[in-house]
Amino acid sequence: MISILTQERLLGASLGVVLTGVVVFEQRRYIYASISQNQSQLSLSRSENLYLEKNHVLNLLISGTKQWIRHLDL
């Protein structure tokens, strides 16, 4: 039979391993969630930039067309 001291040490070690595992798992889950959230915000910013860039190009084309029409009238 194992002595009480050895049983306490084994119980303490196993509880320590379980607690450490839970803490590490929760921290990893928190980190992955924050990375995912940041990437979604970043991709939203990229889509907003593409939208603004598309509008800018469209405005340039419209301005160029207006100038071209003015040039034909001369």
PDB file of N, CA and C in Angstrom:
ATOM      1  N   MET A   1       0.844  -1.170   0.000  1.00  0.00           N
ATOM      2  CA  MET A   1       0.000   0.000   0.000  1.00  0.00           C
ATOM      3  C   MET A   1       0.898   1.244   0.000  1.00  0.00           C
ATOM      4  N   ILE A   2       0.433   2.294  -0.688  1.00  0.00           N
ATOM      5  CA  ILE A   2       1.198   3.536  -0.806  1.00  0.00           C
ATOM      6  C   ILE A   2       0.985   4.372   0.457  1.00  0.00           C
ATOM      7  N   SER A   3       2.058   4.996   0.897  1.00  0.00           N
ATOM      8  CA  SER A   3       1.949   5.805   2.118  1.00  0.00           C
ATOM      9  C   SER A   3       1.071   7.039   1.861  1.00  0.00           C
ATOM     10  N   ILE A   4       0.573   7.611   2.904  1.00  0.00           N
ATOM     11  CA  ILE A   4      -0.302   8.785   2.806  1.00  0.00           C
ATOM     12  C   ILE A   4       0.447   9.956   2.186  1.00  0.00           C
ATOM     13  N   LEU A   5       1.709  10.124   2.508  1.00  0.00           N
ATOM     14  CA  LEU A   5       2.508  11.209   1.946  1.00  0.00           C
ATOM     15  C   LEU A   5       2.613  11.063   0.438  1.00  0.00           C
ATOM     16  N   THR A   6       2.842   9.847  -0.049  1.00  0.00           N
ATOM     17  CA  THR A   6       2.944   9.607  -1.489  1.00  0.00           C
ATOM     18  C   THR A   6       1.596   9.842  -2.161  1.00  0.00           C
ATOM     19  N   GLN A   7       0.527   9.423  -1.504  1.00  0.00           N
ATOM     20  CA  GLN A   7      -0.810   9.651  -2.063  1.00  0.00           C
ATOM     21  C   GLN A   7      -1.110  11.141  -2.182  1.00  0.00           C
ATOM     22  N   GLU A   8      -0.750  11.912  -1.180  1.00  0.00           N
ATOM     23  CA  GLU A   8      -0.964  13.358  -1.222  1.00  0.00           C
ATOM     24  C   GLU A   8      -0.144  14.003  -2.327  1.00  0.00           C
ATOM     25  N   ARG A   9       1.077  13.548  -2.490  1.00  0.00           N
ATOM     26  CA  ARG A   9       1.925  14.097  -3.557  1.00  0.00           C
ATOM     27  C   ARG A   9       1.358  13.769  -4.940  1.00  0.00           C
ATOM     28  N   LEU A  10       0.913  12.525  -5.132  1.00  0.00           N
ATOM     29  CA  LEU A  10       0.320  12.149  -6.410  1.00  0.00           C
ATOM     30  C   LEU A  10      -0.967  12.929  -6.678  1.00  0.00           C
ATOM     31  N   LEU A  11      -1.786  13.081  -5.653  1.00  0.00           N
ATOM     32  CA  LEU A  11      -3.018  13.848  -5.803  1.00  0.00           C
ATOM     33  C   LEU A  11      -2.710  15.306  -6.120  1.00  0.00           C
ATOM     34  N   GLY A  12      -1.756  15.888  -5.430  1.00  0.00           N
ATOM     35  CA  GLY A  12      -1.365  17.285  -5.685  1.00  0.00           C
ATOM     36  C   GLY A  12      -0.807  17.465  -7.080  1.00  0.00           C
ATOM     37  N   ALA A  13       0.040  16.498  -7.516  1.00  0.00           N
ATOM     38  CA  ALA A  13       0.616  16.595  -8.854  1.00  0.00           C
ATOM     39  C   ALA A  13      -0.471  16.480  -9.925  1.00  0.00           C
ATOM     40  N   SER A  14      -1.370  15.527  -9.754  1.00  0.00           N
ATOM     41  CA  SER A  14      -2.420  15.352 -10.762  1.00  0.00           C
ATOM     42  C   SER A  14      -3.373  16.541 -10.782  1.00  0.00           C
ATOM     43  N   LEU A  15      -3.720  17.070  -9.615  1.00  0.00           N
ATOM     44  CA  LEU A  15      -4.560  18.265  -9.594  1.00  0.00           C
ATOM     45  C   LEU A  15      -3.846  19.469 -10.210  1.00  0.00           C
ATOM     46  N   GLY A  16      -2.555  19.570  -9.968  1.00  0.00           N
ATOM     47  CA  GLY A  16      -1.772  20.653 -10.567  1.00  0.00           C
ATOM     48  C   GLY A  16      -1.734  20.546 -12.080  1.00  0.00           C
ATOM     49  N   VAL A  17      -1.576  19.316 -12.576  1.00  0.00           N
ATOM     50  CA  VAL A  17      -1.554  19.112 -14.028  1.00  0.00           C
ATOM     51  C   VAL A  17      -2.902  19.466 -14.641  1.00  0.00           C
ATOM     52  N   VAL A  18      -3.980  19.039 -13.987  1.00  0.00           N
ATOM     53  CA  VAL A  18      -5.325  19.331 -14.502  1.00  0.00           C
ATOM     54  C   VAL A  18      -5.586  20.832 -14.486  1.00  0.00           C
ATOM     55  N   LEU A  19      -5.269  21.485 -13.392  1.00  0.00           N
ATOM     56  CA  LEU A  19      -5.488  22.932 -13.297  1.00  0.00           C
ATOM     57  C   LEU A  19      -4.667  23.685 -14.339  1.00  0.00           C
ATOM     58  N   THR A  20      -3.406  23.306 -14.500  1.00  0.00           N
ATOM     59  CA  THR A  20      -2.556  23.947 -15.501  1.00  0.00           C
ATOM     60  C   THR A  20      -3.122  23.728 -16.899  1.00  0.00           C
ATOM     61  N   GLY A  21      -3.594  22.504 -17.181  1.00  0.00           N
ATOM     62  CA  GLY A  21      -4.188  22.215 -18.485  1.00  0.00           C
ATOM     63  C   GLY A  21      -5.409  23.062 -18.763  1.00  0.00           C
ATOM     64  N   VAL A  22      -6.264  23.228 -17.750  1.00  0.00           N
ATOM     65  CA  VAL A  22      -7.467  24.042 -17.923  1.00  0.00           C
ATOM     66  C   VAL A  22      -7.096  25.498 -18.174  1.00  0.00           C
ATOM     67  N   VAL A  23      -6.151  26.015 -17.408  1.00  0.00           N
ATOM     68  CA  VAL A  23      -5.737  27.413 -17.571  1.00  0.00           C
ATOM     69  C   VAL A  23      -5.136  27.630 -18.955  1.00  0.00           C
ATOM     70  N   VAL A  24      -4.255  26.731 -19.385  1.00  0.00           N
ATOM     71  CA  VAL A  24      -3.634  26.869 -20.701  1.00  0.00           C
ATOM     72  C   VAL A  24      -4.691  26.777 -21.798  1.00  0.00           C
ATOM     73  N   PHE A  25      -5.621  25.836 -21.668  1.00  0.00           N
ATOM     74  CA  PHE A  25      -6.677  25.690 -22.663  1.00  0.00           C
ATOM     75  C   PHE A  25      -7.521  26.955 -22.765  1.00  0.00           C
ATOM     76  N   GLU A  26      -7.905  27.521 -21.628  1.00  0.00           N
ATOM     77  CA  GLU A  26      -8.718  28.742 -21.641  1.00  0.00           C
ATOM     78  C   GLU A  26      -7.953  29.913 -22.240  1.00  0.00           C
ATOM     79  N   GLN A  27      -6.676  30.020 -21.906  1.00  0.00           N
ATOM     80  CA  GLN A  27      -5.868  31.107 -22.472  1.00  0.00           C
ATOM     81  C   GLN A  27      -5.725  30.967 -23.981  1.00  0.00           C
ATOM     82  N   ARG A  28      -5.496  29.753 -24.444  1.00  0.00           N
ATOM     83  CA  ARG A  28      -5.385  29.531 -25.891  1.00  0.00           C
ATOM     84  C   ARG A  28      -6.693  29.872 -26.587  1.00  0.00           C
ATOM     85  N   ARG A  29      -7.810  29.473 -25.985  1.00  0.00           N
ATOM     86  CA  ARG A  29      -9.113  29.774 -26.576  1.00  0.00           C
ATOM     87  C   ARG A  29      -9.334  31.288 -26.637  1.00  0.00           C
ATOM     88  N   TYR A  30      -8.946  32.001 -25.587  1.00  0.00           N
ATOM     89  CA  TYR A  30      -9.077  33.457 -25.563  1.00  0.00           C
ATOM     90  C   TYR A  30      -8.202  34.097 -26.635  1.00  0.00           C
ATOM     91  N   ILE A  31      -6.973  33.612 -26.765  1.00  0.00           N
ATOM     92  CA  ILE A  31      -6.051  34.167 -27.759  1.00  0.00           C
ATOM     93  C   ILE A  31      -6.580  33.924 -29.164  1.00  0.00           C
ATOM     94  N   TYR A  32      -7.028  32.700 -29.452  1.00  0.00           N
ATOM     95  CA  TYR A  32      -7.543  32.404 -30.788  1.00  0.00           C
ATOM     96  C   TYR A  32      -8.797  33.224 -31.091  1.00  0.00           C
ATOM     97  N   ALA A  33      -9.635  33.443 -30.104  1.00  0.00           N
ATOM     98  CA  ALA A  33     -10.838  34.257 -30.315  1.00  0.00           C
ATOM     99  C   ALA A  33     -10.468  35.701 -30.622  1.00  0.00           C
ATOM    100  N   SER A  34      -9.471  36.234 -29.914  1.00  0.00           N
ATOM    101  CA  SER A  34      -9.077  37.620 -30.165  1.00  0.00           C
ATOM    102  C   SER A  34      -8.409  37.759 -31.524  1.00  0.00           C
ATOM    103  N   ILE A  35      -7.622  36.762 -31.934  1.00  0.00           N
ATOM    104  CA  ILE A  35      -7.010  36.798 -33.264  1.00  0.00           C
ATOM    105  C   ILE A  35      -8.088  36.751 -34.334  1.00  0.00           C
ATOM    106  N   SER A  36      -9.057  35.884 -34.152  1.00  0.00           N
ATOM    107  CA  SER A  36     -10.156  35.775 -35.117  1.00  0.00           C
ATOM    108  C   SER A  36     -10.933  37.077 -35.208  1.00  0.00           C
ATOM    109  N   GLN A  37     -11.186  37.691 -34.065  1.00  0.00           N
ATOM    110  CA  GLN A  37     -11.921  38.952 -34.050  1.00  0.00           C
ATOM    111  C   GLN A  37     -11.121  40.047 -34.750  1.00  0.00           C
ATOM    112  N   ASN A  38      -9.809  40.109 -34.505  1.00  0.00           N
ATOM    113  CA  ASN A  38      -8.975  41.117 -35.142  1.00  0.00           C
ATOM    114  C   ASN A  38      -8.909  40.905 -36.641  1.00  0.00           C
ATOM    115  N   GLN A  39      -8.835  39.652 -37.084  1.00  0.00           N
ATOM    116  CA  GLN A  39      -8.787  39.380 -38.512  1.00  0.00           C
ATOM    117  C   GLN A  39     -10.091  39.756 -39.188  1.00  0.00           C
ATOM    118  N   SER A  40     -11.213  39.534 -38.531  1.00  0.00           N
ATOM    119  CA  SER A  40     -12.483  39.913 -39.141  1.00  0.00           C
ATOM    120  C   SER A  40     -12.597  41.426 -39.242  1.00  0.00           C
ATOM    121  N   GLN A  41     -12.107  42.150 -38.242  1.00  0.00           N
ATOM    122  CA  GLN A  41     -12.111  43.608 -38.315  1.00  0.00           C
ATOM    123  C   GLN A  41     -11.161  44.086 -39.398  1.00  0.00           C
ATOM    124  N   LEU A  42     -10.027  43.406 -39.541  1.00  0.00           N
ATOM    125  CA  LEU A  42      -9.058  43.781 -40.561  1.00  0.00           C
ATOM    126  C   LEU A  42      -9.629  43.528 -41.941  1.00  0.00           C
ATOM    127  N   SER A  43     -10.292  42.397 -42.143  1.00  0.00           N
ATOM    128  CA  SER A  43     -10.868  42.117 -43.450  1.00  0.00           C
ATOM    129  C   SER A  43     -12.002  43.091 -43.749  1.00  0.00           C
ATOM    130  N   LEU A  44     -12.746  43.522 -42.732  1.00  0.00           N
ATOM    131  CA  LEU A  44     -13.777  44.525 -42.935  1.00  0.00           C
ATOM    132  C   LEU A  44     -13.140  45.833 -43.381  1.00  0.00           C
ATOM    133  N   SER A  45     -12.019  46.200 -42.798  1.00  0.00           N
ATOM    134  CA  SER A  45     -11.329  47.417 -43.189  1.00  0.00           C
ATOM    135  C   SER A  45     -10.847  47.306 -44.631  1.00  0.00           C
ATOM    136  N   ARG A  46     -10.357  46.134 -45.023  1.00  0.00           N
ATOM    137  CA  ARG A  46      -9.911  45.945 -46.402  1.00  0.00           C
ATOM    138  C   ARG A  46     -11.069  46.075 -47.366  1.00  0.00           C
ATOM    139  N   SER A  47     -12.217  45.505 -47.012  1.00  0.00           N
ATOM    140  CA  SER A  47     -13.369  45.605 -47.908  1.00  0.00           C
ATOM    141  C   SER A  47     -13.854  47.050 -47.994  1.00  0.00           C
ATOM    142  N   GLU A  48     -13.793  47.775 -46.878  1.00  0.00           N
ATOM    143  CA  GLU A  48     -14.154  49.190 -46.919  1.00  0.00           C
ATOM    144  C   GLU A  48     -13.191  49.954 -47.808  1.00  0.00           C
ATOM    145  N   ASN A  49     -11.892  49.661 -47.726  1.00  0.00           N
ATOM    146  CA  ASN A  49     -10.908  50.334 -48.565  1.00  0.00           C
ATOM    147  C   ASN A  49     -11.144  50.023 -50.032  1.00  0.00           C
ATOM    148  N   LEU A  50     -11.471  48.768 -50.357  1.00  0.00           N
ATOM    149  CA  LEU A  50     -11.751  48.418 -51.743  1.00  0.00           C
ATOM    150  C   LEU A  50     -12.985  49.151 -52.248  1.00  0.00           C
ATOM    151  N   TYR A  51     -13.989  49.280 -51.401  1.00  0.00           N
ATOM    152  CA  TYR A  51     -15.199  50.001 -51.776  1.00  0.00           C
ATOM    153  C   TYR A  51     -14.877  51.465 -52.074  1.00  0.00           C
ATOM    154  N   LEU A  52     -14.094  52.095 -51.195  1.00  0.00           N
ATOM    155  CA  LEU A  52     -13.729  53.496 -51.399  1.00  0.00           C
ATOM    156  C   LEU A  52     -12.860  53.660 -52.633  1.00  0.00           C
ATOM    157  N   GLU A  53     -11.951  52.705 -52.858  1.00  0.00           N
ATOM    158  CA  GLU A  53     -11.091  52.776 -54.032  1.00  0.00           C
ATOM    159  C   GLU A  53     -11.916  52.618 -55.309  1.00  0.00           C
ATOM    160  N   LYS A  54     -12.884  51.724 -55.292  1.00  0.00           N
ATOM    161  CA  LYS A  54     -13.749  51.533 -56.457  1.00  0.00           C
ATOM    162  C   LYS A  54     -14.529  52.811 -56.750  1.00  0.00           C
ATOM    163  N   ASN A  55     -15.046  53.446 -55.720  1.00  0.00           N
ATOM    164  CA  ASN A  55     -15.774  54.702 -55.907  1.00  0.00           C
ATOM    165  C   ASN A  55     -14.859  55.793 -56.448  1.00  0.00           C
ATOM    166  N   HIS A  56     -13.629  55.835 -55.973  1.00  0.00           N
ATOM    167  CA  HIS A  56     -12.681  56.832 -56.450  1.00  0.00           C
ATOM    168  C   HIS A  56     -12.398  56.637 -57.936  1.00  0.00           C
ATOM    169  N   VAL A  57     -12.177  55.397 -58.347  1.00  0.00           N
ATOM    170  CA  VAL A  57     -11.908  55.109 -59.762  1.00  0.00           C
ATOM    171  C   VAL A  57     -13.130  55.460 -60.598  1.00  0.00           C
ATOM    172  N   LEU A  58     -14.312  55.130 -60.101  1.00  0.00           N
ATOM    173  CA  LEU A  58     -15.537  55.457 -60.823  1.00  0.00           C
ATOM    174  C   LEU A  58     -15.677  56.965 -60.980  1.00  0.00           C
ATOM    175  N   ASN A  59     -15.381  57.713 -59.927  1.00  0.00           N
ATOM    176  CA  ASN A  59     -15.437  59.181 -60.020  1.00  0.00           C
ATOM    177  C   ASN A  59     -14.426  59.716 -61.015  1.00  0.00           C
ATOM    178  N   LEU A  60     -13.236  59.132 -61.055  1.00  0.00           N
ATOM    179  CA  LEU A  60     -12.234  59.561 -62.036  1.00  0.00           C
ATOM    180  C   LEU A  60     -12.706  59.277 -63.454  1.00  0.00           C
ATOM    181  N   LEU A  61     -13.325  58.115 -63.662  1.00  0.00           N
ATOM    182  CA  LEU A  61     -13.840  57.792 -64.998  1.00  0.00           C
ATOM    183  C   LEU A  61     -14.938  58.761 -65.418  1.00  0.00           C
ATOM    184  N   ILE A  62     -15.814  59.093 -64.488  1.00  0.00           N
ATOM    185  CA  ILE A  62     -16.889  60.033 -64.810  1.00  0.00           C
ATOM    186  C   ILE A  62     -16.314  61.401 -65.128  1.00  0.00           C
ATOM    187  N   SER A  63     -15.335  61.850 -64.344  1.00  0.00           N
ATOM    188  CA  SER A  63     -14.697  63.143 -64.600  1.00  0.00           C
ATOM    189  C   SER A  63     -13.996  63.132 -65.950  1.00  0.00           C
ATOM    190  N   GLY A  64     -13.301  62.019 -66.237  1.00  0.00           N
ATOM    191  CA  GLY A  64     -12.614  61.910 -67.537  1.00  0.00           C
ATOM    192  C   GLY A  64     -13.589  61.920 -68.691  1.00  0.00           C
ATOM    193  N   THR A  65     -14.739  61.281 -68.517  1.00  0.00           N
ATOM    194  CA  THR A  65     -15.756  61.255 -69.568  1.00  0.00           C
ATOM    195  C   THR A  65     -16.315  62.655 -69.785  1.00  0.00           C
ATOM    196  N   LYS A  66     -16.550  63.384 -68.711  1.00  0.00           N
ATOM    197  CA  LYS A  66     -17.055  64.752 -68.841  1.00  0.00           C
ATOM    198  C   LYS A  66     -16.051  65.626 -69.594  1.00  0.00           C
ATOM    199  N   GLN A  67     -14.777  65.474 -69.288  1.00  0.00           N
ATOM    200  CA  GLN A  67     -13.754  66.257 -69.979  1.00  0.00           C
ATOM    201  C   GLN A  67     -13.671  65.867 -71.447  1.00  0.00           C
ATOM    202  N   TRP A  68     -13.826  64.593 -71.731  1.00  0.00           N
ATOM    203  CA  TRP A  68     -13.765  64.128 -73.107  1.00  0.00           C
ATOM    204  C   TRP A  68     -14.939  64.675 -73.906  1.00  0.00           C
ATOM    205  N   ILE A  69     -16.138  64.719 -73.267  1.00  0.00           N
ATOM    206  CA  ILE A  69     -17.311  65.273 -73.938  1.00  0.00           C
ATOM    207  C   ILE A  69     -17.121  66.774 -74.180  1.00  0.00           C
ATOM    208  N   ARG A  70     -16.561  67.483 -73.218  1.00  0.00           N
ATOM    209  CA  ARG A  70     -16.279  68.908 -73.406  1.00  0.00           C
ATOM    210  C   ARG A  70     -15.296  69.120 -74.551  1.00  0.00           C
ATOM    211  N   HIS A  71     -14.322  68.237 -74.659  1.00  0.00           N
ATOM    212  CA  HIS A  71     -13.323  68.351 -75.725  1.00  0.00           C
ATOM    213  C   HIS A  71     -13.971  68.143 -77.095  1.00  0.00           C
ATOM    214  N   LEU A  72     -14.945  67.264 -77.199  1.00  0.00           N
ATOM    215  CA  LEU A  72     -15.628  67.030 -78.477  1.00  0.00           C
ATOM    216  C   LEU A  72     -16.495  68.214 -78.870  1.00  0.00           C
ATOM    217  N   ASP A  73     -17.049  68.927 -77.895  1.00  0.00           N
ATOM    218  CA  ASP A  73     -17.882  70.079 -78.193  1.00  0.00           C
ATOM    219  C   ASP A  73     -17.075  71.232 -78.772  1.00  0.00           C
ATOM    220  N   LEU A  74     -15.795  71.281 -78.457  1.00  0.00           N
ATOM    221  CA  LEU A  74     -14.973  72.375 -78.963  1.00  0.00           C
ATOM    222  C   LEU A  74     -14.727  72.180 -80.394  1.00  0.00           C
TER     223      LEU A  74
END
